[in-house]
Amino acid sequence: MKARSLILVMALFMMLSASLVISIPVTAASSSVTGVIFRANVNEIYIEYESMPVEVQATYFLSGIPQTASISVVFIIENLTSTQTIAKNFTVPSGIPYTVYLPALPPGYYQISAEATAQGYQSSPFSEQFLVAPPPIPYTAIWVNGGLFEFHSNMLNSTGHYNRNYTFTLVISYQYPGSAPQTTDVVNNVTNFTMRFPDQGETVVIIVEDKYGWINGMGINPSEGIFSGSPYIYNFDITSQAPFTTVEIENGIVVGIFVMFIVIVLLRVRRRMQ
């Protein structure tokens, strides 16, 4: 009996030893990793002669654990249509999103490269390409109740007429409940456009693109990193395009249903008490 118990104890000891031998190297290997991770959000287009915001995040980690540290980031900007090269250095906190502002550039096609360094460790190289273009062409676009869309350029010539050197492209799509938007028309070389869309229960989506490639340019906000504006949308399923009216109607329906439910419950309770 004692011999059998001794054999069992030895077997358990050997199994435990084997598991430790197997697991220890894996733990040691996973915890010994040290380095720098770098990310950057470079937009595809920026405005000429304006500083360019780029959101970056760099993380220094030691033995697989993020550390508090200052990280040096070096940017190199190359003009792919000339020999112009610009280098810029920044110091950013580890693990925290941070916006850096790159120098203003003339119009052109560029490539940006970056690398982050901390405690003698370097991140993997980062590289992106982007355009620098003139600012969006000003325009006015508005929906009027009933599905009327009005658009016109704000660029006029010396005689007060629309300047034909600054035209737009309008991409018109329809979206029906339960389906994806489908492009129904593309109107090119537009300076002014007015159209009343038929009510077929659809949502009309219009995208405005100018000659420089800006999408819905009057809705961009470079200071907040927004370089593409929201499309112009009209939903025929909403009786009024004023959002507060819609919310009030929906809330009124919900409150009415709730009140009716309470009244029914109270009537049933009263009948039982009688």
C-alpha atoms as a PDB file:
ATOM      1  CA  MET A   1       0.000   0.000   0.000  1.00  0.00           C
ATOM      2  CA  LYS A   2       2.860   2.336   0.939  1.00  0.00           C
ATOM      3  CA  ALA A   3       4.689   1.445  -2.287  1.00  0.00           C
ATOM      4  CA  ARG A   4       1.587   2.246  -4.358  1.00  0.00           C
ATOM      5  CA  SER A   5       1.187   5.637  -2.606  1.00  0.00           C
ATOM      6  CA  LEU A   6       4.871   6.405  -3.164  1.00  0.00           C
ATOM      7  CA  ILE A   7       4.549   5.612  -6.870  1.00  0.00           C
ATOM      8  CA  LEU A   8       1.507   7.917  -7.129  1.00  0.00           C
ATOM      9  CA  VAL A   9       3.329  10.763  -5.401  1.00  0.00           C
ATOM     10  CA  MET A  10       6.342  10.363  -7.687  1.00  0.00           C
ATOM     11  CA  ALA A  11       4.111  10.345 -10.770  1.00  0.00           C
ATOM     12  CA  LEU A  12       2.385  13.561  -9.704  1.00  0.00           C
ATOM     13  CA  PHE A  13       5.779  15.167  -8.966  1.00  0.00           C
ATOM     14  CA  MET A  14       7.081  14.255 -12.429  1.00  0.00           C
ATOM     15  CA  MET A  15       3.940  15.639 -14.121  1.00  0.00           C
ATOM     16  CA  LEU A  16       4.244  18.902 -12.168  1.00  0.00           C
ATOM     17  CA  SER A  17       7.936  19.195 -13.024  1.00  0.00           C
ATOM     18  CA  ALA A  18       7.243  18.574 -16.700  1.00  0.00           C
ATOM     19  CA  SER A  19       4.558  21.263 -16.770  1.00  0.00           C
ATOM     20  CA  LEU A  20       6.921  23.774 -15.172  1.00  0.00           C
ATOM     21  CA  VAL A  21       9.682  22.941 -17.646  1.00  0.00           C
ATOM     22  CA  ILE A  22       7.273  23.481 -20.528  1.00  0.00           C
ATOM     23  CA  SER A  23       5.630  26.680 -19.239  1.00  0.00           C
ATOM     24  CA  ILE A  24       8.611  28.591 -17.874  1.00  0.00           C
ATOM     25  CA  PRO A  25      10.372  29.226 -21.235  1.00  0.00           C
ATOM     26  CA  VAL A  26       7.116  30.400 -22.836  1.00  0.00           C
ATOM     27  CA  THR A  27       6.500  32.910 -20.028  1.00  0.00           C
ATOM     28  CA  ALA A  28      10.068  34.127 -20.138  1.00  0.00           C
ATOM     29  CA  ALA A  29       9.966  34.532 -23.910  1.00  0.00           C
ATOM     30  CA  SER A  30       6.691  36.490 -23.889  1.00  0.00           C
ATOM     31  CA  SER A  31       7.794  38.828 -21.072  1.00  0.00           C
ATOM     32  CA  SER A  32      11.196  39.712 -22.525  1.00  0.00           C
ATOM     33  CA  VAL A  33       9.843  41.687 -25.479  1.00  0.00           C
ATOM     34  CA  THR A  34      10.811  45.383 -25.426  1.00  0.00           C
ATOM     35  CA  GLY A  35      10.313  48.002 -28.119  1.00  0.00           C
ATOM     36  CA  VAL A  36       8.333  50.925 -29.548  1.00  0.00           C
ATOM     37  CA  ILE A  37       5.036  50.899 -31.434  1.00  0.00           C
ATOM     38  CA  PHE A  38       4.187  53.902 -33.631  1.00  0.00           C
ATOM     39  CA  ARG A  39       0.972  54.925 -35.410  1.00  0.00           C
ATOM     40  CA  ALA A  40       0.099  58.082 -37.358  1.00  0.00           C
ATOM     41  CA  ASN A  41      -3.104  59.278 -38.995  1.00  0.00           C
ATOM     42  CA  VAL A  42      -2.006  61.122 -42.142  1.00  0.00           C
ATOM     43  CA  ASN A  43      -4.814  62.548 -44.237  1.00  0.00           C
ATOM     44  CA  GLU A  44      -4.760  62.066 -47.992  1.00  0.00           C
ATOM     45  CA  ILE A  45      -5.088  65.803 -48.702  1.00  0.00           C
ATOM     46  CA  TYR A  46      -4.107  69.022 -46.901  1.00  0.00           C
ATOM     47  CA  ILE A  47      -4.603  72.720 -47.608  1.00  0.00           C
ATOM     48  CA  GLU A  48      -1.712  74.591 -49.196  1.00  0.00           C
ATOM     49  CA  TYR A  49       0.391  76.936 -47.025  1.00  0.00           C
ATOM     50  CA  GLU A  50      -1.364  75.835 -43.806  1.00  0.00           C
ATOM     51  CA  SER A  51       0.196  73.798 -40.991  1.00  0.00           C
ATOM     52  CA  MET A  52      -0.837  70.156 -41.225  1.00  0.00           C
ATOM     53  CA  PRO A  53      -2.251  68.407 -38.117  1.00  0.00           C
ATOM     54  CA  VAL A  54      -1.305  64.734 -37.789  1.00  0.00           C
ATOM     55  CA  GLU A  55      -2.498  62.619 -34.865  1.00  0.00           C
ATOM     56  CA  VAL A  56       0.191  60.215 -33.655  1.00  0.00           C
ATOM     57  CA  GLN A  57       0.458  57.631 -30.918  1.00  0.00           C
ATOM     58  CA  ALA A  58       3.708  56.019 -29.832  1.00  0.00           C
ATOM     59  CA  THR A  59       4.067  53.446 -27.046  1.00  0.00           C
ATOM     60  CA  TYR A  60       7.285  52.281 -25.389  1.00  0.00           C
ATOM     61  CA  PHE A  61       6.974  48.893 -23.667  1.00  0.00           C
ATOM     62  CA  LEU A  62       9.384  46.987 -21.441  1.00  0.00           C
ATOM     63  CA  SER A  63       9.032  43.212 -21.022  1.00  0.00           C
ATOM     64  CA  GLY A  64       5.652  43.428 -22.750  1.00  0.00           C
ATOM     65  CA  ILE A  65       4.325  46.171 -20.409  1.00  0.00           C
ATOM     66  CA  PRO A  66       3.703  49.787 -21.607  1.00  0.00           C
ATOM     67  CA  GLN A  67       5.904  52.312 -19.808  1.00  0.00           C
ATOM     68  CA  THR A  68       5.725  56.019 -19.040  1.00  0.00           C
ATOM     69  CA  ALA A  69       8.373  57.673 -21.183  1.00  0.00           C
ATOM     70  CA  SER A  70       9.129  60.484 -23.627  1.00  0.00           C
ATOM     71  CA  ILE A  71       9.409  59.286 -27.202  1.00  0.00           C
ATOM     72  CA  SER A  72      11.300  61.071 -29.965  1.00  0.00           C
ATOM     73  CA  VAL A  73       9.580  61.062 -33.372  1.00  0.00           C
ATOM     74  CA  VAL A  74      11.395  62.109 -36.545  1.00  0.00           C
ATOM     75  CA  PHE A  75       9.350  63.030 -39.634  1.00  0.00           C
ATOM     76  CA  ILE A  76      10.867  63.331 -43.103  1.00  0.00           C
ATOM     77  CA  ILE A  77       8.695  64.905 -45.819  1.00  0.00           C
ATOM     78  CA  GLU A  78       9.719  64.517 -49.465  1.00  0.00           C
ATOM     79  CA  ASN A  79       8.171  66.365 -52.404  1.00  0.00           C
ATOM     80  CA  LEU A  80       7.807  63.650 -55.044  1.00  0.00           C
ATOM     81  CA  THR A  81       7.635  66.232 -57.823  1.00  0.00           C
ATOM     82  CA  SER A  82      10.843  68.045 -56.827  1.00  0.00           C
ATOM     83  CA  THR A  83      13.960  67.601 -54.683  1.00  0.00           C
ATOM     84  CA  GLN A  84      12.505  69.359 -51.631  1.00  0.00           C
ATOM     85  CA  THR A  85      13.001  67.463 -48.336  1.00  0.00           C
ATOM     86  CA  ILE A  86      12.002  68.607 -44.848  1.00  0.00           C
ATOM     87  CA  ALA A  87      12.896  66.964 -41.505  1.00  0.00           C
ATOM     88  CA  LYS A  88      10.979  67.681 -38.311  1.00  0.00           C
ATOM     89  CA  ASN A  89      11.484  66.333 -34.753  1.00  0.00           C
ATOM     90  CA  PHE A  90       8.856  66.010 -32.011  1.00  0.00           C
ATOM     91  CA  THR A  91       8.792  64.626 -28.470  1.00  0.00           C
ATOM     92  CA  VAL A  92       5.524  62.867 -27.552  1.00  0.00           C
ATOM     93  CA  PRO A  93       4.316  61.050 -24.403  1.00  0.00           C
ATOM     94  CA  SER A  94       4.178  57.255 -24.489  1.00  0.00           C
ATOM     95  CA  GLY A  95       0.762  55.666 -24.979  1.00  0.00           C
ATOM     96  CA  ILE A  96      -1.198  58.907 -25.347  1.00  0.00           C
ATOM     97  CA  PRO A  97      -2.713  60.200 -28.636  1.00  0.00           C
ATOM     98  CA  TYR A  98      -0.979  63.444 -29.517  1.00  0.00           C
ATOM     99  CA  THR A  99      -1.446  65.920 -32.388  1.00  0.00           C
ATOM    100  CA  VAL A 100       1.666  67.310 -34.054  1.00  0.00           C
ATOM    101  CA  TYR A 101       1.615  70.112 -36.611  1.00  0.00           C
ATOM    102  CA  LEU A 102       3.823  69.680 -39.643  1.00  0.00           C
ATOM    103  CA  PRO A 103       5.060  72.739 -41.576  1.00  0.00           C
ATOM    104  CA  ALA A 104       2.958  74.419 -44.251  1.00  0.00           C
ATOM    105  CA  LEU A 105       3.685  73.246 -47.792  1.00  0.00           C
ATOM    106  CA  PRO A 106       3.007  74.422 -51.346  1.00  0.00           C
ATOM    107  CA  PRO A 107       0.727  72.357 -53.614  1.00  0.00           C
ATOM    108  CA  GLY A 108       2.234  69.044 -54.637  1.00  0.00           C
ATOM    109  CA  TYR A 109       2.496  65.294 -54.170  1.00  0.00           C
ATOM    110  CA  TYR A 110       4.397  64.251 -51.042  1.00  0.00           C
ATOM    111  CA  GLN A 111       5.650  61.269 -49.116  1.00  0.00           C
ATOM    112  CA  ILE A 112       6.027  61.322 -45.343  1.00  0.00           C
ATOM    113  CA  SER A 113       8.205  58.902 -43.393  1.00  0.00           C
ATOM    114  CA  ALA A 114       8.493  58.639 -39.618  1.00  0.00           C
ATOM    115  CA  GLU A 115      10.246  56.651 -36.927  1.00  0.00           C
ATOM    116  CA  ALA A 116       9.862  56.725 -33.126  1.00  0.00           C
ATOM    117  CA  THR A 117      12.722  56.116 -30.674  1.00  0.00           C
ATOM    118  CA  ALA A 118      12.763  55.529 -26.906  1.00  0.00           C
ATOM    119  CA  GLN A 119      15.411  54.080 -24.570  1.00  0.00           C
ATOM    120  CA  GLY A 120      17.522  52.977 -27.527  1.00  0.00           C
ATOM    121  CA  TYR A 121      14.656  51.113 -29.234  1.00  0.00           C
ATOM    122  CA  GLN A 122      13.146  52.119 -32.592  1.00  0.00           C
ATOM    123  CA  SER A 123       9.725  51.520 -34.064  1.00  0.00           C
ATOM    124  CA  SER A 124       9.113  49.940 -37.449  1.00  0.00           C
ATOM    125  CA  PRO A 125       9.379  52.494 -40.287  1.00  0.00           C
ATOM    126  CA  PHE A 126       6.187  54.358 -41.165  1.00  0.00           C
ATOM    127  CA  SER A 127       5.443  55.803 -44.606  1.00  0.00           C
ATOM    128  CA  GLU A 128       2.436  57.409 -46.321  1.00  0.00           C
ATOM    129  CA  GLN A 129       1.757  59.618 -49.344  1.00  0.00           C
ATOM    130  CA  PHE A 130      -0.494  62.672 -49.468  1.00  0.00           C
ATOM    131  CA  LEU A 131      -1.502  65.662 -51.566  1.00  0.00           C
ATOM    132  CA  VAL A 132      -1.390  69.373 -50.800  1.00  0.00           C
ATOM    133  CA  ALA A 133      -3.984  71.389 -52.726  1.00  0.00           C
ATOM    134  CA  PRO A 134      -5.616  74.821 -52.765  1.00  0.00           C
ATOM    135  CA  PRO A 135      -8.442  75.263 -50.229  1.00  0.00           C
ATOM    136  CA  PRO A 136     -11.977  74.061 -50.994  1.00  0.00           C
ATOM    137  CA  ILE A 137     -13.945  76.190 -53.439  1.00  0.00           C
ATOM    138  CA  PRO A 138     -16.740  77.983 -51.537  1.00  0.00           C
ATOM    139  CA  TYR A 139     -20.334  77.077 -52.380  1.00  0.00           C
ATOM    140  CA  THR A 140     -23.838  77.064 -50.903  1.00  0.00           C
ATOM    141  CA  ALA A 141     -25.936  73.890 -50.670  1.00  0.00           C
ATOM    142  CA  ILE A 142     -29.283  73.536 -48.895  1.00  0.00           C
ATOM    143  CA  TRP A 143     -32.287  71.237 -48.699  1.00  0.00           C
ATOM    144  CA  VAL A 144     -35.767  72.759 -48.616  1.00  0.00           C
ATOM    145  CA  ASN A 145     -38.776  70.805 -47.292  1.00  0.00           C
ATOM    146  CA  GLY A 146     -40.455  68.825 -50.030  1.00  0.00           C
ATOM    147  CA  GLY A 147     -37.195  67.426 -51.429  1.00  0.00           C
ATOM    148  CA  LEU A 148     -35.950  70.602 -53.126  1.00  0.00           C
ATOM    149  CA  PHE A 149     -32.144  70.801 -53.340  1.00  0.00           C
ATOM    150  CA  GLU A 150     -30.479  74.094 -54.193  1.00  0.00           C
ATOM    151  CA  PHE A 151     -26.780  74.466 -54.973  1.00  0.00           C
ATOM    152  CA  HIS A 152     -24.605  77.237 -56.373  1.00  0.00           C
ATOM    153  CA  SER A 153     -20.936  78.173 -56.486  1.00  0.00           C
ATOM    154  CA  ASN A 154     -19.809  81.256 -54.581  1.00  0.00           C
ATOM    155  CA  MET A 155     -17.031  81.954 -57.077  1.00  0.00           C
ATOM    156  CA  LEU A 156     -18.061  84.797 -59.391  1.00  0.00           C
ATOM    157  CA  ASN A 157     -16.240  86.399 -62.309  1.00  0.00           C
ATOM    158  CA  SER A 158     -15.716  90.104 -62.913  1.00  0.00           C
ATOM    159  CA  THR A 159     -19.200  90.444 -64.437  1.00  0.00           C
ATOM    160  CA  GLY A 160     -20.922  88.895 -61.413  1.00  0.00           C
ATOM    161  CA  HIS A 161     -21.714  85.580 -63.120  1.00  0.00           C
ATOM    162  CA  TYR A 162     -20.652  82.106 -61.969  1.00  0.00           C
ATOM    163  CA  ASN A 163     -16.975  81.541 -62.746  1.00  0.00           C
ATOM    164  CA  ARG A 164     -16.777  78.573 -65.125  1.00  0.00           C
ATOM    165  CA  ASN A 165     -13.164  77.977 -64.067  1.00  0.00           C
ATOM    166  CA  TYR A 166     -14.437  76.663 -60.730  1.00  0.00           C
ATOM    167  CA  THR A 167     -16.939  73.880 -61.344  1.00  0.00           C
ATOM    168  CA  PHE A 168     -18.204  71.033 -59.174  1.00  0.00           C
ATOM    169  CA  THR A 169     -19.327  67.436 -59.507  1.00  0.00           C
ATOM    170  CA  LEU A 170     -22.526  66.300 -57.766  1.00  0.00           C
ATOM    171  CA  VAL A 171     -22.908  62.576 -57.026  1.00  0.00           C
ATOM    172  CA  ILE A 172     -26.560  61.687 -56.336  1.00  0.00           C
ATOM    173  CA  SER A 173     -27.547  58.444 -54.616  1.00  0.00           C
ATOM    174  CA  TYR A 174     -30.837  56.906 -53.460  1.00  0.00           C
ATOM    175  CA  GLN A 175     -31.141  54.684 -50.413  1.00  0.00           C
ATOM    176  CA  TYR A 176     -34.268  52.700 -49.613  1.00  0.00           C
ATOM    177  CA  PRO A 177     -35.009  51.060 -46.231  1.00  0.00           C
ATOM    178  CA  GLY A 178     -32.999  47.871 -45.812  1.00  0.00           C
ATOM    179  CA  SER A 179     -30.701  48.480 -48.785  1.00  0.00           C
ATOM    180  CA  ALA A 180     -27.356  50.142 -49.475  1.00  0.00           C
ATOM    181  CA  PRO A 181     -27.129  53.540 -51.255  1.00  0.00           C
ATOM    182  CA  GLN A 182     -27.061  53.327 -55.046  1.00  0.00           C
ATOM    183  CA  THR A 183     -25.677  56.075 -57.272  1.00  0.00           C
ATOM    184  CA  THR A 184     -28.376  57.238 -59.667  1.00  0.00           C
ATOM    185  CA  ASP A 185     -26.714  60.221 -61.322  1.00  0.00           C
ATOM    186  CA  VAL A 186     -23.419  62.113 -61.579  1.00  0.00           C
ATOM    187  CA  VAL A 187     -23.666  65.758 -62.694  1.00  0.00           C
ATOM    188  CA  ASN A 188     -20.377  67.242 -63.922  1.00  0.00           C
ATOM    189  CA  ASN A 189     -19.163  70.822 -64.510  1.00  0.00           C
ATOM    190  CA  VAL A 190     -21.769  72.346 -62.201  1.00  0.00           C
ATOM    191  CA  THR A 191     -21.843  75.976 -61.073  1.00  0.00           C
ATOM    192  CA  ASN A 192     -25.523  76.098 -60.079  1.00  0.00           C
ATOM    193  CA  PHE A 193     -28.068  73.311 -59.712  1.00  0.00           C
ATOM    194  CA  THR A 194     -31.687  73.116 -58.533  1.00  0.00           C
ATOM    195  CA  MET A 195     -33.806  69.970 -58.456  1.00  0.00           C
ATOM    196  CA  ARG A 196     -36.928  68.749 -56.668  1.00  0.00           C
ATOM    197  CA  PHE A 197     -36.651  65.025 -56.086  1.00  0.00           C
ATOM    198  CA  PRO A 198     -39.763  62.791 -56.279  1.00  0.00           C
ATOM    199  CA  ASP A 199     -41.084  61.316 -53.048  1.00  0.00           C
ATOM    200  CA  GLN A 200     -40.690  57.544 -53.400  1.00  0.00           C
ATOM    201  CA  GLY A 201     -39.934  56.840 -49.746  1.00  0.00           C
ATOM    202  CA  GLU A 202     -36.206  57.070 -50.365  1.00  0.00           C
ATOM    203  CA  THR A 203     -33.332  58.890 -48.702  1.00  0.00           C
ATOM    204  CA  VAL A 204     -31.469  61.149 -51.137  1.00  0.00           C
ATOM    205  CA  VAL A 205     -27.731  61.513 -50.562  1.00  0.00           C
ATOM    206  CA  ILE A 206     -25.710  64.161 -52.455  1.00  0.00           C
ATOM    207  CA  ILE A 207     -21.922  64.462 -52.407  1.00  0.00           C
ATOM    208  CA  VAL A 208     -20.259  67.673 -53.612  1.00  0.00           C
ATOM    209  CA  GLU A 209     -16.741  67.431 -55.022  1.00  0.00           C
ATOM    210  CA  ASP A 210     -14.737  70.426 -56.245  1.00  0.00           C
ATOM    211  CA  LYS A 211     -11.983  70.599 -58.876  1.00  0.00           C
ATOM    212  CA  TYR A 212      -9.262  70.120 -56.265  1.00  0.00           C
ATOM    213  CA  GLY A 213     -10.731  66.877 -54.935  1.00  0.00           C
ATOM    214  CA  TRP A 214     -12.314  68.190 -51.731  1.00  0.00           C
ATOM    215  CA  ILE A 215     -15.426  66.221 -50.701  1.00  0.00           C
ATOM    216  CA  ASN A 216     -18.217  68.390 -49.236  1.00  0.00           C
ATOM    217  CA  GLY A 217     -15.558  71.030 -48.678  1.00  0.00           C
ATOM    218  CA  MET A 218     -17.736  73.465 -46.738  1.00  0.00           C
ATOM    219  CA  GLY A 219     -17.980  70.886 -43.966  1.00  0.00           C
ATOM    220  CA  ILE A 220     -14.276  70.314 -43.329  1.00  0.00           C
ATOM    221  CA  ASN A 221     -12.487  71.408 -40.150  1.00  0.00           C
ATOM    222  CA  PRO A 222      -8.699  71.035 -40.491  1.00  0.00           C
ATOM    223  CA  SER A 223      -8.052  72.197 -36.922  1.00  0.00           C
ATOM    224  CA  GLU A 224      -9.917  69.094 -35.713  1.00  0.00           C
ATOM    225  CA  GLY A 225      -8.503  66.795 -38.375  1.00  0.00           C
ATOM    226  CA  ILE A 226     -11.729  66.696 -40.428  1.00  0.00           C
ATOM    227  CA  PHE A 227     -10.818  66.880 -44.105  1.00  0.00           C
ATOM    228  CA  SER A 228     -14.036  65.528 -45.608  1.00  0.00           C
ATOM    229  CA  GLY A 229     -17.459  67.022 -44.890  1.00  0.00           C
ATOM    230  CA  SER A 230     -20.750  65.207 -44.355  1.00  0.00           C
ATOM    231  CA  PRO A 231     -22.955  64.560 -47.408  1.00  0.00           C
ATOM    232  CA  TYR A 232     -26.243  66.406 -47.946  1.00  0.00           C
ATOM    233  CA  ILE A 233     -29.107  64.076 -46.978  1.00  0.00           C
ATOM    234  CA  TYR A 234     -32.888  64.294 -47.327  1.00  0.00           C
ATOM    235  CA  ASN A 235     -35.128  61.544 -45.919  1.00  0.00           C
ATOM    236  CA  PHE A 236     -38.661  61.460 -47.301  1.00  0.00           C
ATOM    237  CA  ASP A 237     -39.769  59.179 -44.437  1.00  0.00           C
ATOM    238  CA  ILE A 238     -39.339  62.122 -42.055  1.00  0.00           C
ATOM    239  CA  THR A 239     -42.206  64.593 -42.443  1.00  0.00           C
ATOM    240  CA  SER A 240     -40.055  67.480 -41.251  1.00  0.00           C
ATOM    241  CA  GLN A 241     -36.286  67.708 -41.617  1.00  0.00           C
ATOM    242  CA  ALA A 242     -36.040  69.579 -38.292  1.00  0.00           C
ATOM    243  CA  PRO A 243     -34.624  66.961 -35.921  1.00  0.00           C
ATOM    244  CA  PHE A 244     -36.173  68.444 -32.787  1.00  0.00           C
ATOM    245  CA  THR A 245     -39.674  68.172 -34.280  1.00  0.00           C
ATOM    246  CA  THR A 246     -39.091  64.524 -35.075  1.00  0.00           C
ATOM    247  CA  VAL A 247     -37.809  63.797 -31.560  1.00  0.00           C
ATOM    248  CA  GLU A 248     -40.800  65.560 -29.984  1.00  0.00           C
ATOM    249  CA  ILE A 249     -43.272  63.531 -32.061  1.00  0.00           C
ATOM    250  CA  GLU A 250     -41.552  60.241 -31.224  1.00  0.00           C
ATOM    251  CA  ASN A 251     -41.372  61.118 -27.510  1.00  0.00           C
ATOM    252  CA  GLY A 252     -45.037  62.125 -27.513  1.00  0.00           C
ATOM    253  CA  ILE A 253     -46.052  58.742 -28.920  1.00  0.00           C
ATOM    254  CA  VAL A 254     -43.998  56.893 -26.297  1.00  0.00           C
ATOM    255  CA  VAL A 255     -45.454  58.972 -23.424  1.00  0.00           C
ATOM    256  CA  GLY A 256     -49.008  58.436 -24.708  1.00  0.00           C
ATOM    257  CA  ILE A 257     -48.555  54.655 -24.823  1.00  0.00           C
ATOM    258  CA  PHE A 258     -47.110  54.661 -21.304  1.00  0.00           C
ATOM    259  CA  VAL A 259     -50.025  56.723 -19.913  1.00  0.00           C
ATOM    260  CA  MET A 260     -52.584  54.393 -21.532  1.00  0.00           C
ATOM    261  CA  PHE A 261     -50.796  51.385 -20.000  1.00  0.00           C
ATOM    262  CA  ILE A 262     -50.932  52.932 -16.494  1.00  0.00           C
ATOM    263  CA  VAL A 263     -54.646  53.760 -16.857  1.00  0.00           C
ATOM    264  CA  ILE A 264     -55.475  50.170 -17.890  1.00  0.00           C
ATOM    265  CA  VAL A 265     -53.542  48.744 -14.923  1.00  0.00           C
ATOM    266  CA  LEU A 266     -55.296  51.083 -12.464  1.00  0.00           C
ATOM    267  CA  LEU A 267     -58.736  50.166 -13.830  1.00  0.00           C
ATOM    268  CA  ARG A 268     -58.019  46.448 -13.412  1.00  0.00           C
ATOM    269  CA  VAL A 269     -56.794  46.949  -9.830  1.00  0.00           C
ATOM    270  CA  ARG A 270     -59.914  48.975  -8.974  1.00  0.00           C
ATOM    271  CA  ARG A 271     -62.245  46.286 -10.352  1.00  0.00           C
ATOM    272  CA  ARG A 272     -60.525  43.596  -8.268  1.00  0.00           C
ATOM    273  CA  MET A 273     -60.862  45.703  -5.111  1.00  0.00           C
ATOM    274  CA  GLN A 274     -64.600  46.091  -5.752  1.00  0.00           C
END
